[in-house]
């Protein structure tokens, strides 16, 4: 099976097929399950998944994920209408700060109005999802989601791993784990002054990725400093960054060279995401080809 290009429903179907083949007696929901196609209505798929849950052939977390994840997909279909206002407001702030795809703000560096809208966005999503759980007659799930979201997430992750293993194919895609690496750097970085979002450039050779992360300049507005371009100093929590790697193989520091060196940087190398990576953090970069 080509798991790299299979949809999540294909992966679930393959796992269920393997379970069915190991049963001595066909389950009562088998015929309905066989009728499911990629174009099946979510409501029809949900009815089958509930029947699978009721048969007890799956571990509880797997059944929990099967039903809750499908309702999550149903809620996502309504997200554009319910959350579009918040997304537009965040996009406007990002545009004003020249925030590019894949960039993140260092800790405590995001504009206050952006953080406010972002919190409103997540609260609105939580409310939408809880309403969908109630609407599709899952009051216990809705109550758990509202009262103990950490336990809800734990059950969901255990169930997801039953079908997909520790990491899904999507999590091994470069755009996914690169974003995770950028967020890990941002979480450990505190700037000494105003700063733009973090940028990155990357390259891959023989399965080894080199990822450069750096703060982007910010232009000051107003007063005597109007028009000045600033790249502030920052503090980086190396222990926290190393903790984001599955395995750390080296920790390096390079001082400023002359005349052609791009500048001082610190690097962490090891296993992150899909394979071996070296993450180098710079105060600034003079050349930013392949920039994210």
C-alpha atoms as a PDB file:
ATOM      1  CA  UNK A   1       0.000   0.000   0.000  1.00  0.00           C
ATOM      2  CA  UNK A   2       1.301   3.463  -0.957  1.00  0.00           C
ATOM      3  CA  UNK A   3       0.791   5.165   2.386  1.00  0.00           C
ATOM      4  CA  UNK A   4       2.557   8.319   1.246  1.00  0.00           C
ATOM      5  CA  UNK A   5      -0.346   9.311  -1.017  1.00  0.00           C
ATOM      6  CA  UNK A   6      -3.282   7.600   0.697  1.00  0.00           C
ATOM      7  CA  UNK A   7      -5.967   9.768   2.248  1.00  0.00           C
ATOM      8  CA  UNK A   8      -6.686   9.402   5.980  1.00  0.00           C
ATOM      9  CA  UNK A   9      -9.875   7.494   5.133  1.00  0.00           C
ATOM     10  CA  UNK A  10      -7.832   5.088   2.982  1.00  0.00           C
ATOM     11  CA  UNK A  11      -5.488   4.434   5.895  1.00  0.00           C
ATOM     12  CA  UNK A  12      -8.405   3.823   8.257  1.00  0.00           C
ATOM     13  CA  UNK A  13     -10.048   1.516   5.731  1.00  0.00           C
ATOM     14  CA  UNK A  14      -6.874  -0.541   5.334  1.00  0.00           C
ATOM     15  CA  UNK A  15      -6.525  -0.920   9.116  1.00  0.00           C
ATOM     16  CA  UNK A  16     -10.153  -1.980   9.482  1.00  0.00           C
ATOM     17  CA  UNK A  17      -9.819  -4.432   6.600  1.00  0.00           C
ATOM     18  CA  UNK A  18      -6.897  -6.120   8.351  1.00  0.00           C
ATOM     19  CA  UNK A  19      -8.947  -6.398  11.547  1.00  0.00           C
ATOM     20  CA  UNK A  20     -11.952  -7.833   9.694  1.00  0.00           C
ATOM     21  CA  UNK A  21      -9.766 -10.492   8.076  1.00  0.00           C
ATOM     22  CA  UNK A  22      -8.736 -11.663  11.524  1.00  0.00           C
ATOM     23  CA  UNK A  23     -12.303 -12.089  12.770  1.00  0.00           C
ATOM     24  CA  UNK A  24     -13.965 -15.479  12.758  1.00  0.00           C
ATOM     25  CA  UNK A  25     -17.419 -14.027  12.070  1.00  0.00           C
ATOM     26  CA  UNK A  26     -18.182 -11.042   9.801  1.00  0.00           C
ATOM     27  CA  UNK A  27     -19.206  -8.020  11.892  1.00  0.00           C
ATOM     28  CA  UNK A  28     -22.811  -6.783  11.526  1.00  0.00           C
ATOM     29  CA  UNK A  29     -21.656  -3.453  10.052  1.00  0.00           C
ATOM     30  CA  UNK A  30     -19.555  -5.058   7.291  1.00  0.00           C
ATOM     31  CA  UNK A  31     -22.021  -4.516   4.436  1.00  0.00           C
ATOM     32  CA  UNK A  32     -22.573  -0.859   5.321  1.00  0.00           C
ATOM     33  CA  UNK A  33     -18.831  -0.336   5.645  1.00  0.00           C
ATOM     34  CA  UNK A  34     -18.207  -1.850   2.198  1.00  0.00           C
ATOM     35  CA  UNK A  35     -20.620   0.686   0.682  1.00  0.00           C
ATOM     36  CA  UNK A  36     -18.542   3.652   1.901  1.00  0.00           C
ATOM     37  CA  UNK A  37     -16.663   5.502  -0.832  1.00  0.00           C
ATOM     38  CA  UNK A  38     -14.501   8.654  -0.846  1.00  0.00           C
ATOM     39  CA  UNK A  39     -17.657  10.534  -1.866  1.00  0.00           C
ATOM     40  CA  UNK A  40     -19.863   9.178   0.922  1.00  0.00           C
ATOM     41  CA  UNK A  41     -21.675  11.766   2.993  1.00  0.00           C
ATOM     42  CA  UNK A  42     -19.983  12.390   6.352  1.00  0.00           C
ATOM     43  CA  UNK A  43     -23.272  11.566   8.085  1.00  0.00           C
ATOM     44  CA  UNK A  44     -23.343   8.119   6.417  1.00  0.00           C
ATOM     45  CA  UNK A  45     -19.731   7.476   7.355  1.00  0.00           C
ATOM     46  CA  UNK A  46     -20.432   8.575  10.920  1.00  0.00           C
ATOM     47  CA  UNK A  47     -23.292   6.068  11.218  1.00  0.00           C
ATOM     48  CA  UNK A  48     -20.949   3.252  10.183  1.00  0.00           C
ATOM     49  CA  UNK A  49     -18.201   4.420  12.532  1.00  0.00           C
ATOM     50  CA  UNK A  50     -20.660   4.455  15.409  1.00  0.00           C
ATOM     51  CA  UNK A  51     -21.663   0.902  14.554  1.00  0.00           C
ATOM     52  CA  UNK A  52     -17.988  -0.076  14.576  1.00  0.00           C
ATOM     53  CA  UNK A  53     -17.586   1.589  17.965  1.00  0.00           C
ATOM     54  CA  UNK A  54     -20.628  -0.227  19.297  1.00  0.00           C
ATOM     55  CA  UNK A  55     -19.316  -3.623  18.177  1.00  0.00           C
ATOM     56  CA  UNK A  56     -16.356  -3.300  20.553  1.00  0.00           C
ATOM     57  CA  UNK A  57     -13.723  -4.656  18.154  1.00  0.00           C
ATOM     58  CA  UNK A  58     -11.528  -1.574  18.535  1.00  0.00           C
ATOM     59  CA  UNK A  59      -9.724  -0.235  21.609  1.00  0.00           C
ATOM     60  CA  UNK A  60     -11.674   2.597  23.225  1.00  0.00           C
ATOM     61  CA  UNK A  61      -9.232   5.351  22.117  1.00  0.00           C
ATOM     62  CA  UNK A  62      -9.401   4.121  18.506  1.00  0.00           C
ATOM     63  CA  UNK A  63     -13.208   4.254  18.537  1.00  0.00           C
ATOM     64  CA  UNK A  64     -13.057   7.652  20.211  1.00  0.00           C
ATOM     65  CA  UNK A  65     -10.787   9.032  17.494  1.00  0.00           C
ATOM     66  CA  UNK A  66     -12.792   7.440  14.691  1.00  0.00           C
ATOM     67  CA  UNK A  67     -15.963   9.291  15.686  1.00  0.00           C
ATOM     68  CA  UNK A  68     -14.500  12.538  17.048  1.00  0.00           C
ATOM     69  CA  UNK A  69     -12.160  13.050  14.108  1.00  0.00           C
ATOM     70  CA  UNK A  70     -14.998  12.695  11.621  1.00  0.00           C
ATOM     71  CA  UNK A  71     -17.062  15.266  13.519  1.00  0.00           C
ATOM     72  CA  UNK A  72     -13.960  17.467  13.514  1.00  0.00           C
ATOM     73  CA  UNK A  73     -13.949  17.216   9.701  1.00  0.00           C
ATOM     74  CA  UNK A  74     -17.640  18.146   9.605  1.00  0.00           C
ATOM     75  CA  UNK A  75     -16.951  21.184  11.803  1.00  0.00           C
ATOM     76  CA  UNK A  76     -14.035  22.196   9.582  1.00  0.00           C
ATOM     77  CA  UNK A  77     -16.413  22.349   6.614  1.00  0.00           C
ATOM     78  CA  UNK A  78     -18.292  25.133   8.441  1.00  0.00           C
ATOM     79  CA  UNK A  79     -15.129  26.915   9.598  1.00  0.00           C
ATOM     80  CA  UNK A  80     -14.892  29.351   6.668  1.00  0.00           C
ATOM     81  CA  UNK A  81     -18.218  30.909   7.546  1.00  0.00           C
ATOM     82  CA  UNK A  82     -17.789  30.727  11.316  1.00  0.00           C
ATOM     83  CA  UNK A  83     -14.122  31.738  11.527  1.00  0.00           C
ATOM     84  CA  UNK A  84     -13.558  33.721   8.343  1.00  0.00           C
ATOM     85  CA  UNK A  85     -13.727  37.068  10.142  1.00  0.00           C
ATOM     86  CA  UNK A  86     -10.913  36.103  12.529  1.00  0.00           C
ATOM     87  CA  UNK A  87      -8.751  34.722   9.716  1.00  0.00           C
ATOM     88  CA  UNK A  88      -9.172  37.935   7.729  1.00  0.00           C
ATOM     89  CA  UNK A  89      -8.182  40.067  10.713  1.00  0.00           C
ATOM     90  CA  UNK A  90      -5.080  37.948  11.398  1.00  0.00           C
ATOM     91  CA  UNK A  91      -4.157  38.034   7.707  1.00  0.00           C
ATOM     92  CA  UNK A  92      -4.384  41.836   7.684  1.00  0.00           C
ATOM     93  CA  UNK A  93      -2.014  42.067  10.654  1.00  0.00           C
ATOM     94  CA  UNK A  94       0.383  39.577   9.063  1.00  0.00           C
ATOM     95  CA  UNK A  95       0.365  41.557   5.818  1.00  0.00           C
ATOM     96  CA  UNK A  96       1.085  44.768   7.698  1.00  0.00           C
ATOM     97  CA  UNK A  97       4.125  43.117   9.278  1.00  0.00           C
ATOM     98  CA  UNK A  98       5.207  41.455   6.003  1.00  0.00           C
ATOM     99  CA  UNK A  99       4.630  38.081   7.568  1.00  0.00           C
ATOM    100  CA  UNK A 100       5.345  35.376   4.968  1.00  0.00           C
ATOM    101  CA  UNK A 101       4.201  31.765   4.690  1.00  0.00           C
ATOM    102  CA  UNK A 102       5.973  29.515   7.183  1.00  0.00           C
ATOM    103  CA  UNK A 103       7.217  32.390   9.340  1.00  0.00           C
ATOM    104  CA  UNK A 104       6.602  32.572  13.077  1.00  0.00           C
ATOM    105  CA  UNK A 105       7.086  35.220  15.721  1.00  0.00           C
ATOM    106  CA  UNK A 106       9.652  34.758  18.454  1.00  0.00           C
ATOM    107  CA  UNK A 107       8.249  34.435  21.950  1.00  0.00           C
ATOM    108  CA  UNK A 108       6.597  37.651  23.208  1.00  0.00           C
ATOM    109  CA  UNK A 109       7.257  39.333  19.831  1.00  0.00           C
ATOM    110  CA  UNK A 110       3.871  38.925  18.164  1.00  0.00           C
ATOM    111  CA  UNK A 111       1.772  42.120  18.117  1.00  0.00           C
ATOM    112  CA  UNK A 112      -0.736  42.317  20.948  1.00  0.00           C
ATOM    113  CA  UNK A 113      -3.669  42.769  18.564  1.00  0.00           C
ATOM    114  CA  UNK A 114      -2.605  39.633  16.679  1.00  0.00           C
ATOM    115  CA  UNK A 115      -2.466  37.577  19.878  1.00  0.00           C
ATOM    116  CA  UNK A 116      -5.898  38.877  20.881  1.00  0.00           C
ATOM    117  CA  UNK A 117      -7.493  37.886  17.555  1.00  0.00           C
ATOM    118  CA  UNK A 118      -5.691  34.537  17.622  1.00  0.00           C
ATOM    119  CA  UNK A 119      -7.133  33.760  21.061  1.00  0.00           C
ATOM    120  CA  UNK A 120     -10.595  34.743  19.824  1.00  0.00           C
ATOM    121  CA  UNK A 121     -10.110  32.460  16.823  1.00  0.00           C
ATOM    122  CA  UNK A 122      -9.276  29.426  18.976  1.00  0.00           C
ATOM    123  CA  UNK A 123     -12.175  30.124  21.345  1.00  0.00           C
ATOM    124  CA  UNK A 124     -14.538  30.351  18.362  1.00  0.00           C
ATOM    125  CA  UNK A 125     -13.218  27.072  16.945  1.00  0.00           C
ATOM    126  CA  UNK A 126     -13.623  25.321  20.298  1.00  0.00           C
ATOM    127  CA  UNK A 127     -17.204  26.562  20.523  1.00  0.00           C
ATOM    128  CA  UNK A 128     -17.927  25.411  16.960  1.00  0.00           C
ATOM    129  CA  UNK A 129     -16.505  21.943  17.565  1.00  0.00           C
ATOM    130  CA  UNK A 130     -18.369  21.534  20.868  1.00  0.00           C
ATOM    131  CA  UNK A 131     -21.627  22.522  19.135  1.00  0.00           C
ATOM    132  CA  UNK A 132     -21.024  19.935  16.409  1.00  0.00           C
ATOM    133  CA  UNK A 133     -20.404  17.227  19.006  1.00  0.00           C
ATOM    134  CA  UNK A 134     -23.733  18.102  20.605  1.00  0.00           C
ATOM    135  CA  UNK A 135     -25.486  18.374  17.243  1.00  0.00           C
ATOM    136  CA  UNK A 136     -24.337  14.880  16.260  1.00  0.00           C
ATOM    137  CA  UNK A 137     -25.458  13.394  19.570  1.00  0.00           C
ATOM    138  CA  UNK A 138     -22.127  12.997  21.305  1.00  0.00           C
ATOM    139  CA  UNK A 139     -22.841  14.778  24.614  1.00  0.00           C
ATOM    140  CA  UNK A 140     -20.192  12.850  26.568  1.00  0.00           C
ATOM    141  CA  UNK A 141     -17.518  13.813  24.067  1.00  0.00           C
ATOM    142  CA  UNK A 142     -18.710  17.424  24.158  1.00  0.00           C
ATOM    143  CA  UNK A 143     -18.566  17.460  27.956  1.00  0.00           C
ATOM    144  CA  UNK A 144     -15.062  15.975  27.978  1.00  0.00           C
ATOM    145  CA  UNK A 145     -13.894  18.483  25.373  1.00  0.00           C
ATOM    146  CA  UNK A 146     -15.184  21.406  27.445  1.00  0.00           C
ATOM    147  CA  UNK A 147     -14.184  20.173  30.900  1.00  0.00           C
ATOM    148  CA  UNK A 148     -10.991  18.198  30.295  1.00  0.00           C
ATOM    149  CA  UNK A 149      -9.512  19.125  26.896  1.00  0.00           C
ATOM    150  CA  UNK A 150      -6.159  17.592  27.824  1.00  0.00           C
ATOM    151  CA  UNK A 151      -7.764  14.181  28.333  1.00  0.00           C
ATOM    152  CA  UNK A 152      -9.748  14.654  25.108  1.00  0.00           C
ATOM    153  CA  UNK A 153      -6.513  15.320  23.197  1.00  0.00           C
ATOM    154  CA  UNK A 154      -4.796  12.351  24.872  1.00  0.00           C
ATOM    155  CA  UNK A 155      -7.545   9.948  23.821  1.00  0.00           C
ATOM    156  CA  UNK A 156      -7.551  11.403  20.309  1.00  0.00           C
ATOM    157  CA  UNK A 157      -3.801  10.968  19.946  1.00  0.00           C
ATOM    158  CA  UNK A 158      -3.884   7.403  21.252  1.00  0.00           C
ATOM    159  CA  UNK A 159      -6.631   6.607  18.769  1.00  0.00           C
ATOM    160  CA  UNK A 160      -4.830   8.288  15.875  1.00  0.00           C
ATOM    161  CA  UNK A 161      -1.702   6.255  16.593  1.00  0.00           C
ATOM    162  CA  UNK A 162      -3.754   3.050  16.418  1.00  0.00           C
ATOM    163  CA  UNK A 163      -4.493   3.793  12.765  1.00  0.00           C
ATOM    164  CA  UNK A 164      -1.434   5.772  11.683  1.00  0.00           C
ATOM    165  CA  UNK A 165       1.434   4.876  14.021  1.00  0.00           C
ATOM    166  CA  UNK A 166       3.560   7.386  15.978  1.00  0.00           C
ATOM    167  CA  UNK A 167       3.717   9.820  13.059  1.00  0.00           C
ATOM    168  CA  UNK A 168       1.437  10.149  10.090  1.00  0.00           C
ATOM    169  CA  UNK A 169       2.806  10.487   6.571  1.00  0.00           C
ATOM    170  CA  UNK A 170       1.720  14.137   6.592  1.00  0.00           C
ATOM    171  CA  UNK A 171       3.883  14.862   9.648  1.00  0.00           C
ATOM    172  CA  UNK A 172       6.908  13.650   7.708  1.00  0.00           C
ATOM    173  CA  UNK A 173       6.300  16.106   4.880  1.00  0.00           C
ATOM    174  CA  UNK A 174       8.988  18.849   4.880  1.00  0.00           C
ATOM    175  CA  UNK A 175       6.499  21.713   5.077  1.00  0.00           C
ATOM    176  CA  UNK A 176       5.020  20.177   8.244  1.00  0.00           C
ATOM    177  CA  UNK A 177       8.147  19.372  10.240  1.00  0.00           C
ATOM    178  CA  UNK A 178       9.919  22.541   9.065  1.00  0.00           C
ATOM    179  CA  UNK A 179       7.051  24.521  10.562  1.00  0.00           C
ATOM    180  CA  UNK A 180       7.401  22.530  13.790  1.00  0.00           C
ATOM    181  CA  UNK A 181      11.128  23.293  13.862  1.00  0.00           C
ATOM    182  CA  UNK A 182      10.476  27.005  13.316  1.00  0.00           C
ATOM    183  CA  UNK A 183       7.990  26.978  16.183  1.00  0.00           C
ATOM    184  CA  UNK A 184      10.515  25.199  18.420  1.00  0.00           C
ATOM    185  CA  UNK A 185      13.061  27.956  17.745  1.00  0.00           C
ATOM    186  CA  UNK A 186      10.445  30.669  18.289  1.00  0.00           C
ATOM    187  CA  UNK A 187       9.387  29.134  21.616  1.00  0.00           C
ATOM    188  CA  UNK A 188      12.964  29.374  22.918  1.00  0.00           C
ATOM    189  CA  UNK A 189      13.786  32.834  21.562  1.00  0.00           C
ATOM    190  CA  UNK A 190      13.256  36.133  23.373  1.00  0.00           C
ATOM    191  CA  UNK A 191      14.167  39.316  21.491  1.00  0.00           C
ATOM    192  CA  UNK A 192      15.561  42.414  23.254  1.00  0.00           C
ATOM    193  CA  UNK A 193      13.352  44.745  21.237  1.00  0.00           C
ATOM    194  CA  UNK A 194      10.878  44.951  18.376  1.00  0.00           C
ATOM    195  CA  UNK A 195      11.478  42.281  15.780  1.00  0.00           C
ATOM    196  CA  UNK A 196       9.873  40.961  12.646  1.00  0.00           C
ATOM    197  CA  UNK A 197       8.741  37.344  12.298  1.00  0.00           C
ATOM    198  CA  UNK A 198      11.343  34.600  12.040  1.00  0.00           C
ATOM    199  CA  UNK A 199      12.356  33.636   8.526  1.00  0.00           C
ATOM    200  CA  UNK A 200      14.131  30.525   7.308  1.00  0.00           C
ATOM    201  CA  UNK A 201      16.056  29.094   4.397  1.00  0.00           C
ATOM    202  CA  UNK A 202      16.800  25.412   3.924  1.00  0.00           C
ATOM    203  CA  UNK A 203      18.555  22.884   1.743  1.00  0.00           C
ATOM    204  CA  UNK A 204      18.712  19.097   1.528  1.00  0.00           C
ATOM    205  CA  UNK A 205      21.583  16.880   0.422  1.00  0.00           C
ATOM    206  CA  UNK A 206      21.666  13.088   0.648  1.00  0.00           C
ATOM    207  CA  UNK A 207      18.834  13.035   3.167  1.00  0.00           C
ATOM    208  CA  UNK A 208      20.395  15.645   5.491  1.00  0.00           C
ATOM    209  CA  UNK A 209      18.571  18.937   5.895  1.00  0.00           C
ATOM    210  CA  UNK A 210      20.219  22.232   6.826  1.00  0.00           C
ATOM    211  CA  UNK A 211      17.766  24.790   8.148  1.00  0.00           C
ATOM    212  CA  UNK A 212      18.770  28.405   8.851  1.00  0.00           C
ATOM    213  CA  UNK A 213      16.451  30.408  11.117  1.00  0.00           C
ATOM    214  CA  UNK A 214      16.822  34.158  11.605  1.00  0.00           C
ATOM    215  CA  UNK A 215      14.824  37.211  12.734  1.00  0.00           C
ATOM    216  CA  UNK A 216      13.695  39.476   9.936  1.00  0.00           C
ATOM    217  CA  UNK A 217      14.284  43.244  10.165  1.00  0.00           C
ATOM    218  CA  UNK A 218      11.554  45.544  11.439  1.00  0.00           C
ATOM    219  CA  UNK A 219      11.115  49.162  10.317  1.00  0.00           C
ATOM    220  CA  UNK A 220      10.375  51.605  13.118  1.00  0.00           C
ATOM    221  CA  UNK A 221       7.578  54.090  12.593  1.00  0.00           C
ATOM    222  CA  UNK A 222       7.061  57.525  14.096  1.00  0.00           C
ATOM    223  CA  UNK A 223       9.175  60.033  15.948  1.00  0.00           C
ATOM    224  CA  UNK A 224      12.917  60.486  15.635  1.00  0.00           C
ATOM    225  CA  UNK A 225      13.441  56.810  14.780  1.00  0.00           C
ATOM    226  CA  UNK A 226      10.940  56.777  11.901  1.00  0.00           C
ATOM    227  CA  UNK A 227      12.274  54.719   9.011  1.00  0.00           C
ATOM    228  CA  UNK A 228      15.105  53.080  10.934  1.00  0.00           C
ATOM    229  CA  UNK A 229      15.522  49.358  10.284  1.00  0.00           C
ATOM    230  CA  UNK A 230      16.227  47.310  13.408  1.00  0.00           C
ATOM    231  CA  UNK A 231      17.408  43.750  13.960  1.00  0.00           C
ATOM    232  CA  UNK A 232      17.438  43.324  17.751  1.00  0.00           C
ATOM    233  CA  UNK A 233      19.615  41.000  19.762  1.00  0.00           C
ATOM    234  CA  UNK A 234      17.928  37.917  21.163  1.00  0.00           C
ATOM    235  CA  UNK A 235      18.370  35.191  23.762  1.00  0.00           C
ATOM    236  CA  UNK A 236      17.921  31.570  22.715  1.00  0.00           C
ATOM    237  CA  UNK A 237      17.147  28.773  25.188  1.00  0.00           C
ATOM    238  CA  UNK A 238      19.401  26.037  23.828  1.00  0.00           C
ATOM    239  CA  UNK A 239      18.206  23.409  26.280  1.00  0.00           C
ATOM    240  CA  UNK A 240      14.618  23.950  25.136  1.00  0.00           C
ATOM    241  CA  UNK A 241      15.611  23.785  21.464  1.00  0.00           C
ATOM    242  CA  UNK A 242      17.608  20.587  21.975  1.00  0.00           C
ATOM    243  CA  UNK A 243      14.605  19.100  23.780  1.00  0.00           C
ATOM    244  CA  UNK A 244      12.547  19.458  20.581  1.00  0.00           C
ATOM    245  CA  UNK A 245      14.884  17.040  18.754  1.00  0.00           C
ATOM    246  CA  UNK A 246      14.297  13.294  18.987  1.00  0.00           C
ATOM    247  CA  UNK A 247      18.060  12.893  19.152  1.00  0.00           C
ATOM    248  CA  UNK A 248      20.820  15.522  19.454  1.00  0.00           C
ATOM    249  CA  UNK A 249      24.123  14.685  17.772  1.00  0.00           C
ATOM    250  CA  UNK A 250      26.025  17.951  17.988  1.00  0.00           C
ATOM    251  CA  UNK A 251      25.879  21.513  19.297  1.00  0.00           C
ATOM    252  CA  UNK A 252      28.093  24.053  17.510  1.00  0.00           C
ATOM    253  CA  UNK A 253      29.019  27.726  17.595  1.00  0.00           C
ATOM    254  CA  UNK A 254      30.720  29.624  14.797  1.00  0.00           C
ATOM    255  CA  UNK A 255      32.107  33.109  15.311  1.00  0.00           C
ATOM    256  CA  UNK A 256      32.143  35.850  12.686  1.00  0.00           C
ATOM    257  CA  UNK A 257      34.611  35.171   9.882  1.00  0.00           C
ATOM    258  CA  UNK A 258      36.126  37.591   7.376  1.00  0.00           C
ATOM    259  CA  UNK A 259      35.634  38.694   4.679  1.00  0.00           C
ATOM    260  CA  UNK A 260      32.993  36.396   3.198  1.00  0.00           C
ATOM    261  CA  UNK A 261      31.383  34.736   6.206  1.00  0.00           C
ATOM    262  CA  UNK A 262      27.674  35.468   6.597  1.00  0.00           C
ATOM    263  CA  UNK A 263      27.924  35.943  10.333  1.00  0.00           C
ATOM    264  CA  UNK A 264      28.030  34.170  13.700  1.00  0.00           C
ATOM    265  CA  UNK A 265      25.563  31.369  14.321  1.00  0.00           C
ATOM    266  CA  UNK A 266      24.787  28.560  16.666  1.00  0.00           C
ATOM    267  CA  UNK A 267      23.667  25.167  15.439  1.00  0.00           C
ATOM    268  CA  UNK A 268      21.910  22.069  16.758  1.00  0.00           C
ATOM    269  CA  UNK A 269      22.202  18.876  14.732  1.00  0.00           C
ATOM    270  CA  UNK A 270      20.358  15.600  15.135  1.00  0.00           C
ATOM    271  CA  UNK A 271      17.113  13.809  14.382  1.00  0.00           C
ATOM    272  CA  UNK A 272      14.056  15.990  13.871  1.00  0.00           C
ATOM    273  CA  UNK A 273      10.954  15.219  11.858  1.00  0.00           C
ATOM    274  CA  UNK A 274      11.605  13.044   8.828  1.00  0.00           C
ATOM    275  CA  UNK A 275      15.322  12.564   9.385  1.00  0.00           C
ATOM    276  CA  UNK A 276      18.617  14.177  10.266  1.00  0.00           C
ATOM    277  CA  UNK A 277      18.659  17.945  10.346  1.00  0.00           C
ATOM    278  CA  UNK A 278      20.933  20.782  11.356  1.00  0.00           C
ATOM    279  CA  UNK A 279      19.209  23.896  12.649  1.00  0.00           C
ATOM    280  CA  UNK A 280      21.377  27.027  12.610  1.00  0.00           C
ATOM    281  CA  UNK A 281      20.192  30.219  14.300  1.00  0.00           C
ATOM    282  CA  UNK A 282      21.571  33.553  13.097  1.00  0.00           C
ATOM    283  CA  UNK A 283      21.324  37.133  14.363  1.00  0.00           C
ATOM    284  CA  UNK A 284      20.740  38.084  10.697  1.00  0.00           C
ATOM    285  CA  UNK A 285      21.497  36.821   7.199  1.00  0.00           C
ATOM    286  CA  UNK A 286      22.957  38.832   4.373  1.00  0.00           C
ATOM    287  CA  UNK A 287      21.897  36.351   1.712  1.00  0.00           C
ATOM    288  CA  UNK A 288      18.525  34.648   2.020  1.00  0.00           C
ATOM    289  CA  UNK A 289      17.978  32.463  -1.015  1.00  0.00           C
ATOM    290  CA  UNK A 290      15.489  29.618  -0.517  1.00  0.00           C
ATOM    291  CA  UNK A 291      13.895  31.735   2.141  1.00  0.00           C
ATOM    292  CA  UNK A 292      10.680  30.573   3.791  1.00  0.00           C
END
